[in-house]
Each structure stands twice: as structure tokens, then as C-alpha cells.
PDB file of N, CA and C in Angstrom:
ATOM      1  N   MET A   1      -1.569  -6.393   5.688  1.00  0.00           N
ATOM      2  CA  MET A   1      -2.613  -5.616   5.277  1.00  0.00           C
ATOM      3  C   MET A   1      -3.942  -5.966   5.047  1.00  0.00           C
ATOM      4  N   ASP A   2      -3.824  -7.273   4.416  1.00  0.00           N
ATOM      5  CA  ASP A   2      -5.237  -8.019   3.984  1.00  0.00           C
ATOM      6  C   ASP A   2      -6.139  -8.289   5.489  1.00  0.00           C
ATOM      7  N   ASP A   3      -5.369  -8.595   6.344  1.00  0.00           N
ATOM      8  CA  ASP A   3      -6.165  -8.982   7.639  1.00  0.00           C
ATOM      9  C   ASP A   3      -6.620  -7.541   8.102  1.00  0.00           C
ATOM     10  N   MET A   4      -6.220  -6.304   8.072  1.00  0.00           N
ATOM     11  CA  MET A   4      -6.612  -5.290   8.646  1.00  0.00           C
ATOM     12  C   MET A   4      -7.749  -4.852   7.607  1.00  0.00           C
ATOM     13  N   ILE A   5      -7.776  -4.859   6.375  1.00  0.00           N
ATOM     14  CA  ILE A   5      -8.714  -4.662   5.393  1.00  0.00           C
ATOM     15  C   ILE A   5      -9.854  -5.292   5.650  1.00  0.00           C
ATOM     16  N   SER A   6      -9.665  -6.610   5.823  1.00  0.00           N
ATOM     17  CA  SER A   6     -10.708  -7.287   6.075  1.00  0.00           C
ATOM     18  C   SER A   6     -11.439  -7.153   7.319  1.00  0.00           C
ATOM     19  N   HIS A   7     -10.716  -6.821   8.291  1.00  0.00           N
ATOM     20  CA  HIS A   7     -11.348  -6.560   9.731  1.00  0.00           C
ATOM     21  C   HIS A   7     -12.099  -5.036   9.535  1.00  0.00           C
ATOM     22  N   ARG A   8     -11.624  -4.058   8.773  1.00  0.00           N
ATOM     23  CA  ARG A   8     -12.060  -2.811   8.402  1.00  0.00           C
ATOM     24  C   ARG A   8     -13.495  -3.114   7.959  1.00  0.00           C
ATOM     25  N   ARG A   9     -13.687  -3.959   7.031  1.00  0.00           N
ATOM     26  CA  ARG A   9     -14.840  -4.241   6.019  1.00  0.00           C
ATOM     27  C   ARG A   9     -15.792  -4.816   7.202  1.00  0.00           C
ATOM     28  N   SER A  10     -15.262  -5.929   7.908  1.00  0.00           N
ATOM     29  CA  SER A  10     -16.256  -6.671   8.871  1.00  0.00           C
ATOM     30  C   SER A  10     -16.879  -5.837   9.921  1.00  0.00           C
ATOM     31  N   VAL A  11     -16.261  -4.644  10.349  1.00  0.00           N
ATOM     32  CA  VAL A  11     -16.932  -3.785  11.398  1.00  0.00           C
ATOM     33  C   VAL A  11     -17.584  -2.542  10.794  1.00  0.00           C
ATOM     34  N   GLY A  12     -17.691  -2.583   9.303  1.00  0.00           N
ATOM     35  CA  GLY A  12     -18.334  -1.651   8.544  1.00  0.00           C
ATOM     36  C   GLY A  12     -17.457  -0.222   8.179  1.00  0.00           C
ATOM     37  N   VAL A  13     -16.281  -0.400   8.421  1.00  0.00           N
ATOM     38  CA  VAL A  13     -15.432   0.864   8.283  1.00  0.00           C
ATOM     39  C   VAL A  13     -14.773   0.763   6.681  1.00  0.00           C
ATOM     40  N   GLU A  14     -14.992   1.992   6.063  1.00  0.00           N
ATOM     41  CA  GLU A  14     -14.599   2.068   4.793  1.00  0.00           C
ATOM     42  C   GLU A  14     -12.816   1.672   4.836  1.00  0.00           C
ATOM     43  N   ALA A  15     -12.185   1.080   3.812  1.00  0.00           N
ATOM     44  CA  ALA A  15     -10.895   0.495   3.519  1.00  0.00           C
ATOM     45  C   ALA A  15     -10.285   0.943   2.411  1.00  0.00           C
ATOM     46  N   MET A  16     -10.893   1.829   1.624  1.00  0.00           N
ATOM     47  CA  MET A  16     -10.551   2.277   0.598  1.00  0.00           C
ATOM     48  C   MET A  16      -9.111   2.523   0.590  1.00  0.00           C
ATOM     49  N   ARG A  17      -8.743   3.476   1.097  1.00  0.00           N
ATOM     50  CA  ARG A  17      -7.287   3.840   1.386  1.00  0.00           C
ATOM     51  C   ARG A  17      -6.587   2.949   1.767  1.00  0.00           C
ATOM     52  N   MET A  18      -6.861   2.246   2.454  1.00  0.00           N
ATOM     53  CA  MET A  18      -6.036   0.789   3.002  1.00  0.00           C
ATOM     54  C   MET A  18      -5.747  -0.204   1.728  1.00  0.00           C
ATOM     55  N   ARG A  19      -6.908  -0.092   1.076  1.00  0.00           N
ATOM     56  CA  ARG A  19      -6.606  -0.995  -0.375  1.00  0.00           C
ATOM     57  C   ARG A  19      -5.619  -0.303  -1.291  1.00  0.00           C
ATOM     58  N   GLU A  20      -5.479   0.965  -1.317  1.00  0.00           N
ATOM     59  CA  GLU A  20      -4.808   1.847  -2.083  1.00  0.00           C
ATOM     60  C   GLU A  20      -3.217   1.659  -1.637  1.00  0.00           C
ATOM     61  N   VAL A  21      -2.959   1.781  -0.339  1.00  0.00           N
ATOM     62  CA  VAL A  21      -1.792   1.450   0.161  1.00  0.00           C
ATOM     63  C   VAL A  21      -1.200   0.233  -0.213  1.00  0.00           C
ATOM     64  N   LYS A  22      -2.017  -0.801  -0.030  1.00  0.00           N
ATOM     65  CA  LYS A  22      -1.705  -2.164  -0.326  1.00  0.00           C
ATOM     66  C   LYS A  22      -1.384  -2.146  -1.750  1.00  0.00           C
ATOM     67  N   GLU A  23      -2.090  -1.747  -2.488  1.00  0.00           N
ATOM     68  CA  GLU A  23      -1.710  -2.110  -4.034  1.00  0.00           C
ATOM     69  C   GLU A  23      -0.322  -1.354  -4.260  1.00  0.00           C
ATOM     70  N   LEU A  24      -0.039  -0.217  -3.550  1.00  0.00           N
ATOM     71  CA  LEU A  24       1.393   0.458  -3.832  1.00  0.00           C
ATOM     72  C   LEU A  24       2.240  -0.448  -3.141  1.00  0.00           C
ATOM     73  N   MET A  25       2.008  -0.940  -2.069  1.00  0.00           N
ATOM     74  CA  MET A  25       2.983  -1.965  -1.439  1.00  0.00           C
ATOM     75  C   MET A  25       3.189  -2.949  -2.328  1.00  0.00           C
ATOM     76  N   ASP A  26       2.258  -3.743  -2.824  1.00  0.00           N
ATOM     77  CA  ASP A  26       2.372  -4.981  -3.726  1.00  0.00           C
ATOM     78  C   ASP A  26       3.346  -4.502  -5.025  1.00  0.00           C
ATOM     79  N   ARG A  27       3.002  -3.341  -5.343  1.00  0.00           N
ATOM     80  CA  ARG A  27       3.861  -2.906  -6.715  1.00  0.00           C
ATOM     81  C   ARG A  27       5.224  -2.947  -6.378  1.00  0.00           C
ATOM     82  N   ARG A  28       5.642  -2.430  -5.298  1.00  0.00           N
ATOM     83  CA  ARG A  28       7.092  -2.241  -4.686  1.00  0.00           C
ATOM     84  C   ARG A  28       7.661  -3.447  -4.690  1.00  0.00           C
ATOM     85  N   ILE A  29       7.062  -4.379  -3.918  1.00  0.00           N
ATOM     86  CA  ILE A  29       7.401  -5.721  -3.997  1.00  0.00           C
ATOM     87  C   ILE A  29       7.606  -6.171  -5.270  1.00  0.00           C
ATOM     88  N   ALA A  30       6.719  -5.986  -6.037  1.00  0.00           N
ATOM     89  CA  ALA A  30       6.859  -6.567  -7.535  1.00  0.00           C
ATOM     90  C   ALA A  30       8.006  -6.069  -8.124  1.00  0.00           C
ATOM     91  N   ASP A  31       8.399  -4.727  -8.011  1.00  0.00           N
ATOM     92  CA  ASP A  31       9.470  -4.251  -8.700  1.00  0.00           C
ATOM     93  C   ASP A  31      10.822  -4.503  -7.944  1.00  0.00           C
ATOM     94  N   GLY A  32      11.045  -5.494  -6.823  1.00  0.00           N
ATOM     95  CA  GLY A  32      12.094  -5.781  -6.293  1.00  0.00           C
ATOM     96  C   GLY A  32      12.529  -5.074  -5.097  1.00  0.00           C
ATOM     97  N   HIS A  33      11.649  -4.209  -4.437  1.00  0.00           N
ATOM     98  CA  HIS A  33      12.028  -3.505  -3.377  1.00  0.00           C
ATOM     99  C   HIS A  33      11.189  -3.760  -1.958  1.00  0.00           C
ATOM    100  N   GLY A  34      10.916  -5.261  -2.071  1.00  0.00           N
ATOM    101  CA  GLY A  34      10.048  -5.524  -0.808  1.00  0.00           C
ATOM    102  C   GLY A  34      11.045  -5.764   0.518  1.00  0.00           C
ATOM    103  N   ASP A  35      12.220  -5.497   0.284  1.00  0.00           N
ATOM    104  CA  ASP A  35      13.238  -5.723   1.548  1.00  0.00           C
ATOM    105  C   ASP A  35      13.070  -4.333   2.230  1.00  0.00           C
ATOM    106  N   GLN A  36      12.683  -3.261   1.314  1.00  0.00           N
ATOM    107  CA  GLN A  36      12.848  -1.783   1.711  1.00  0.00           C
ATOM    108  C   GLN A  36      11.987  -1.247   2.851  1.00  0.00           C
ATOM    109  N   GLY A  37      10.908  -2.043   2.937  1.00  0.00           N
ATOM    110  CA  GLY A  37       9.903  -1.917   4.035  1.00  0.00           C
ATOM    111  C   GLY A  37       8.835  -0.707   3.397  1.00  0.00           C
ATOM    112  N   PHE A  38       8.072  -0.166   4.637  1.00  0.00           N
ATOM    113  CA  PHE A  38       6.912   0.599   4.378  1.00  0.00           C
ATOM    114  C   PHE A  38       7.463   1.905   3.818  1.00  0.00           C
ATOM    115  N   SER A  39       8.617   2.553   4.214  1.00  0.00           N
ATOM    116  CA  SER A  39       8.970   3.749   3.839  1.00  0.00           C
ATOM    117  C   SER A  39       9.335   3.731   2.415  1.00  0.00           C
ATOM    118  N   SER A  40       9.613   2.637   1.700  1.00  0.00           N
ATOM    119  CA  SER A  40       9.950   2.644   0.339  1.00  0.00           C
ATOM    120  C   SER A  40       8.698   3.390  -0.421  1.00  0.00           C
ATOM    121  N   LEU A  41       7.463   3.204  -0.038  1.00  0.00           N
ATOM    122  CA  LEU A  41       6.347   3.899  -0.559  1.00  0.00           C
ATOM    123  C   LEU A  41       6.694   5.508  -0.791  1.00  0.00           C
ATOM    124  N   PHE A  42       7.198   6.036   0.028  1.00  0.00           N
ATOM    125  CA  PHE A  42       7.666   7.340  -0.381  1.00  0.00           C
ATOM    126  C   PHE A  42       8.290   7.611  -1.579  1.00  0.00           C
ATOM    127  N   GLU A  43       9.317   6.765  -1.970  1.00  0.00           N
ATOM    128  CA  GLU A  43       9.945   6.783  -3.164  1.00  0.00           C
ATOM    129  C   GLU A  43       9.132   6.729  -4.524  1.00  0.00           C
ATOM    130  N   LEU A  44       8.210   5.605  -4.241  1.00  0.00           N
ATOM    131  CA  LEU A  44       7.047   5.335  -5.412  1.00  0.00           C
ATOM    132  C   LEU A  44       6.419   6.622  -5.310  1.00  0.00           C
ATOM    133  N   LEU A  45       5.671   7.408  -4.513  1.00  0.00           N
ATOM    134  CA  LEU A  45       4.868   8.446  -4.580  1.00  0.00           C
ATOM    135  C   LEU A  45       5.817   9.583  -4.974  1.00  0.00           C
ATOM    136  N   ALA A  46       7.006   9.726  -4.597  1.00  0.00           N
ATOM    137  CA  ALA A  46       7.762  10.705  -5.051  1.00  0.00           C
ATOM    138  C   ALA A  46       7.879  10.766  -6.983  1.00  0.00           C
ATOM    139  N   GLU A  47       8.069   9.612  -7.332  1.00  0.00           N
ATOM    140  CA  GLU A  47       8.128   9.215  -8.553  1.00  0.00           C
ATOM    141  C   GLU A  47       6.837   9.728  -9.350  1.00  0.00           C
ATOM    142  N   HIS A  48       5.889   9.485  -8.671  1.00  0.00           N
ATOM    143  CA  HIS A  48       4.598   9.968  -9.389  1.00  0.00           C
ATOM    144  C   HIS A  48       3.961  11.448  -9.173  1.00  0.00           C
ATOM    145  N   SER A  49       4.749  11.687  -8.344  1.00  0.00           N
ATOM    146  CA  SER A  49       4.754  13.604  -8.030  1.00  0.00           C
ATOM    147  C   SER A  49       5.571  14.203  -9.261  1.00  0.00           C
ATOM    148  N   ARG A  50       6.502  13.613  -9.893  1.00  0.00           N
ATOM    149  CA  ARG A  50       7.277  14.206 -10.792  1.00  0.00           C
ATOM    150  C   ARG A  50       7.133  14.019 -12.105  1.00  0.00           C
ATOM    151  N   ARG A  51       5.924  13.401 -12.324  1.00  0.00           N
ATOM    152  CA  ARG A  51       5.426  13.126 -13.732  1.00  0.00           C
ATOM    153  C   ARG A  51       4.380  14.073 -13.972  1.00  0.00           C
TER     154      ARG A  51
END
């Protein structure tokens, strides 16, 4: 993700949403769910929607 974000910035394309997704991914990894892959983000998003 860092490389994709850097590339987008280097060509002048906004990367705000990608940074937000990366923050969510980093959070999932920190919570011990790094082995679940990208689809584990849906679980995190579902938690937020129930609040």
C-alpha cells in the first residue's frame, strides 16, 4: 500500500482514500488479524456500523 500511495502522489493523484484503507489494514494487523487478508476489513467496517 505504501508504494501505491507514493506512486499516486508522485503522479499528482489524490491518495486520501488509499491512506484511510491502509490505516484500517494497519489496525487489523495490530489487532492480530493480519493473516486474514484484505477481506478482514469488512469485519472492522461492520463493527463501526453497529456503533
